[in-house]
Amino acid sequence: DEEKEKQIKEVFAQYLPDKNLKIDIKELKNKELPAMIVNPEQMRRLQEMTAMMSGKKIDMGFLGDQVILNGRSETILNLPLVNSSDAKKAEELVNQIFDIACLAAGKLKGERLSSFVNRSYQYLNSTK
């Protein structure tokens, strides 16, 4: 429903590192995929032209990117909400979901990559 979608978007908006990212919820075919990063065609072409003209690839960060959250994913649907007692867990989940989406899109670099790897190791060690 619309109220739940609004609450999920609020959670992501609060914890995402880049406040300019557009957040949208769509029902994707694969229920296992919680989120993905989409780069609009115009931005992709602009980046390619800039790289071709300058002779090197320029990292434009998340300029124009959109985070698509899967409305069919149990991970997204069961996300703790902003004002819940599980705010810390919500922040960790949002960061992990976002980092996995960035990794899949080839945009996870630098400090976020290190943070993602460390968080993943901590998770693996906590399952003993």
Protein backbone atom coordinates (compact mmCIF):
# COMPACT_ATOMS: atom_id res chain seq x y z
CA ASP A 1 0.00 0.00 0.00
CA GLU A 2 1.00 3.63 -0.42
CA GLU A 3 1.60 4.30 3.29
CA LYS A 4 4.04 1.37 3.60
CA GLU A 5 5.89 2.51 0.44
CA LYS A 6 6.17 6.02 1.86
CA GLN A 7 7.60 4.66 5.13
CA ILE A 8 10.14 2.47 3.30
CA LYS A 9 11.26 5.43 1.18
CA GLU A 10 11.67 7.51 4.37
CA VAL A 11 13.94 4.85 5.90
CA PHE A 12 16.15 4.79 2.80
CA ALA A 13 16.16 8.58 2.46
CA GLN A 14 17.28 8.94 6.05
CA TYR A 15 20.18 6.49 5.86
CA LEU A 16 21.45 6.71 2.27
CA PRO A 17 24.78 8.53 1.97
CA ASP A 18 23.75 10.64 -1.04
CA LYS A 19 20.62 12.69 -0.42
CA ASN A 20 20.27 13.45 -4.16
CA LEU A 21 19.49 9.85 -5.07
CA LYS A 22 15.97 9.32 -6.33
CA ILE A 23 14.25 6.43 -4.54
CA ASP A 24 11.48 4.46 -6.20
CA ILE A 25 9.66 1.23 -5.38
CA LYS A 26 8.73 -1.19 -8.15
CA GLU A 27 7.69 -4.80 -8.16
CA LEU A 28 10.57 -6.60 -9.84
CA LYS A 29 10.38 -10.08 -11.31
CA ASN A 30 13.08 -11.50 -9.02
CA LYS A 31 11.80 -11.52 -5.42
CA GLU A 32 15.30 -12.19 -4.06
CA LEU A 33 16.75 -8.90 -5.38
CA PRO A 34 16.08 -6.20 -2.75
CA ALA A 35 17.36 -3.19 -4.71
CA MET A 36 19.26 -2.02 -7.76
CA ILE A 37 20.90 1.16 -9.02
CA VAL A 38 19.71 2.50 -12.36
CA ASN A 39 21.59 5.09 -14.36
CA PRO A 40 19.30 6.91 -16.83
CA GLU A 41 20.27 6.55 -20.50
CA GLN A 42 20.98 10.26 -20.92
CA MET A 43 23.40 10.29 -17.97
CA ARG A 44 25.12 7.13 -19.18
CA ARG A 45 25.64 8.67 -22.62
CA LEU A 46 26.92 11.91 -21.10
CA GLN A 47 29.43 9.96 -19.02
CA GLU A 48 30.57 7.98 -22.07
CA MET A 49 30.99 11.13 -24.18
CA THR A 50 32.92 12.87 -21.41
CA ALA A 51 35.19 9.85 -21.04
CA MET A 52 35.75 9.66 -24.79
CA MET A 53 36.57 13.37 -25.10
CA SER A 54 38.89 13.47 -22.10
CA GLY A 55 40.55 10.15 -22.86
CA LYS A 56 39.79 8.71 -19.43
CA LYS A 57 36.79 7.54 -17.49
CA ILE A 58 35.52 10.15 -15.06
CA ASP A 59 33.70 8.97 -11.94
CA MET A 60 30.59 11.11 -11.61
CA GLY A 61 29.45 9.31 -8.48
CA PHE A 62 25.72 8.84 -8.27
CA LEU A 63 24.82 11.84 -10.43
CA GLY A 64 21.39 11.14 -11.88
CA ASP A 65 21.21 7.61 -10.47
CA GLN A 66 18.05 6.11 -9.11
CA VAL A 67 17.65 3.46 -6.40
CA ILE A 68 14.92 0.99 -7.31
CA LEU A 69 13.60 -0.93 -4.30
CA ASN A 70 11.87 -4.22 -4.99
CA GLY A 71 8.31 -4.10 -3.66
CA ARG A 72 8.18 -7.91 -3.78
CA SER A 73 11.34 -8.46 -1.69
CA GLU A 74 10.73 -9.72 1.87
CA THR A 75 13.90 -7.88 2.94
CA ILE A 76 12.43 -4.55 1.81
CA LEU A 77 8.91 -5.24 3.06
CA ASN A 78 10.15 -6.24 6.54
CA LEU A 79 12.57 -3.34 6.95
CA PRO A 80 12.36 -1.68 10.40
CA LEU A 81 10.82 1.77 10.12
CA VAL A 82 12.42 5.11 10.99
CA ASN A 83 10.94 5.64 14.45
CA SER A 84 11.06 2.01 15.52
CA SER A 85 13.20 0.60 18.31
CA ASP A 86 15.27 -1.15 15.60
CA ALA A 87 16.60 2.09 14.04
CA LYS A 88 20.20 0.84 14.27
CA LYS A 89 19.24 -2.39 12.48
CA ALA A 90 17.37 -0.37 9.82
CA GLU A 91 20.48 1.74 9.20
CA GLU A 92 22.68 -1.36 8.87
CA LEU A 93 20.21 -3.03 6.49
CA VAL A 94 19.83 0.07 4.32
CA ASN A 95 23.62 0.39 4.03
CA GLN A 96 24.06 -3.30 3.23
CA ILE A 97 21.26 -3.30 0.63
CA PHE A 98 22.58 -0.09 -0.96
CA ASP A 99 26.17 -1.35 -1.03
CA ILE A 100 25.16 -4.63 -2.67
CA ALA A 101 23.20 -2.68 -5.31
CA CYS A 102 26.25 -0.42 -5.85
CA LEU A 103 28.53 -3.45 -6.12
CA ALA A 104 26.25 -4.97 -8.77
CA ALA A 105 26.26 -1.67 -10.69
CA GLY A 106 30.05 -1.31 -10.47
CA LYS A 107 29.81 1.80 -8.28
CA LEU A 108 31.11 0.54 -4.94
CA LYS A 109 34.52 2.11 -4.42
CA GLY A 110 36.86 3.53 -1.80
CA GLU A 111 35.67 3.93 1.76
CA ARG A 112 32.21 2.45 1.08
CA LEU A 113 33.82 -0.68 -0.38
CA SER A 114 36.03 -1.07 2.71
CA SER A 115 33.05 -0.52 4.99
CA PHE A 116 30.99 -3.08 3.05
CA VAL A 117 33.74 -5.71 3.27
CA ASN A 118 34.19 -5.12 7.01
CA ARG A 119 30.43 -5.28 7.63
CA SER A 120 30.25 -8.52 5.64
CA TYR A 121 33.08 -10.06 7.69
CA GLN A 122 31.35 -9.01 10.92
CA TYR A 123 28.13 -10.62 9.74
CA LEU A 124 29.92 -13.84 8.80
CA ASN A 125 31.70 -13.96 12.17
CA SER A 126 28.44 -13.36 14.05
CA THR A 127 26.84 -16.48 12.55
CA LYS A 128 29.15 -18.85 14.49
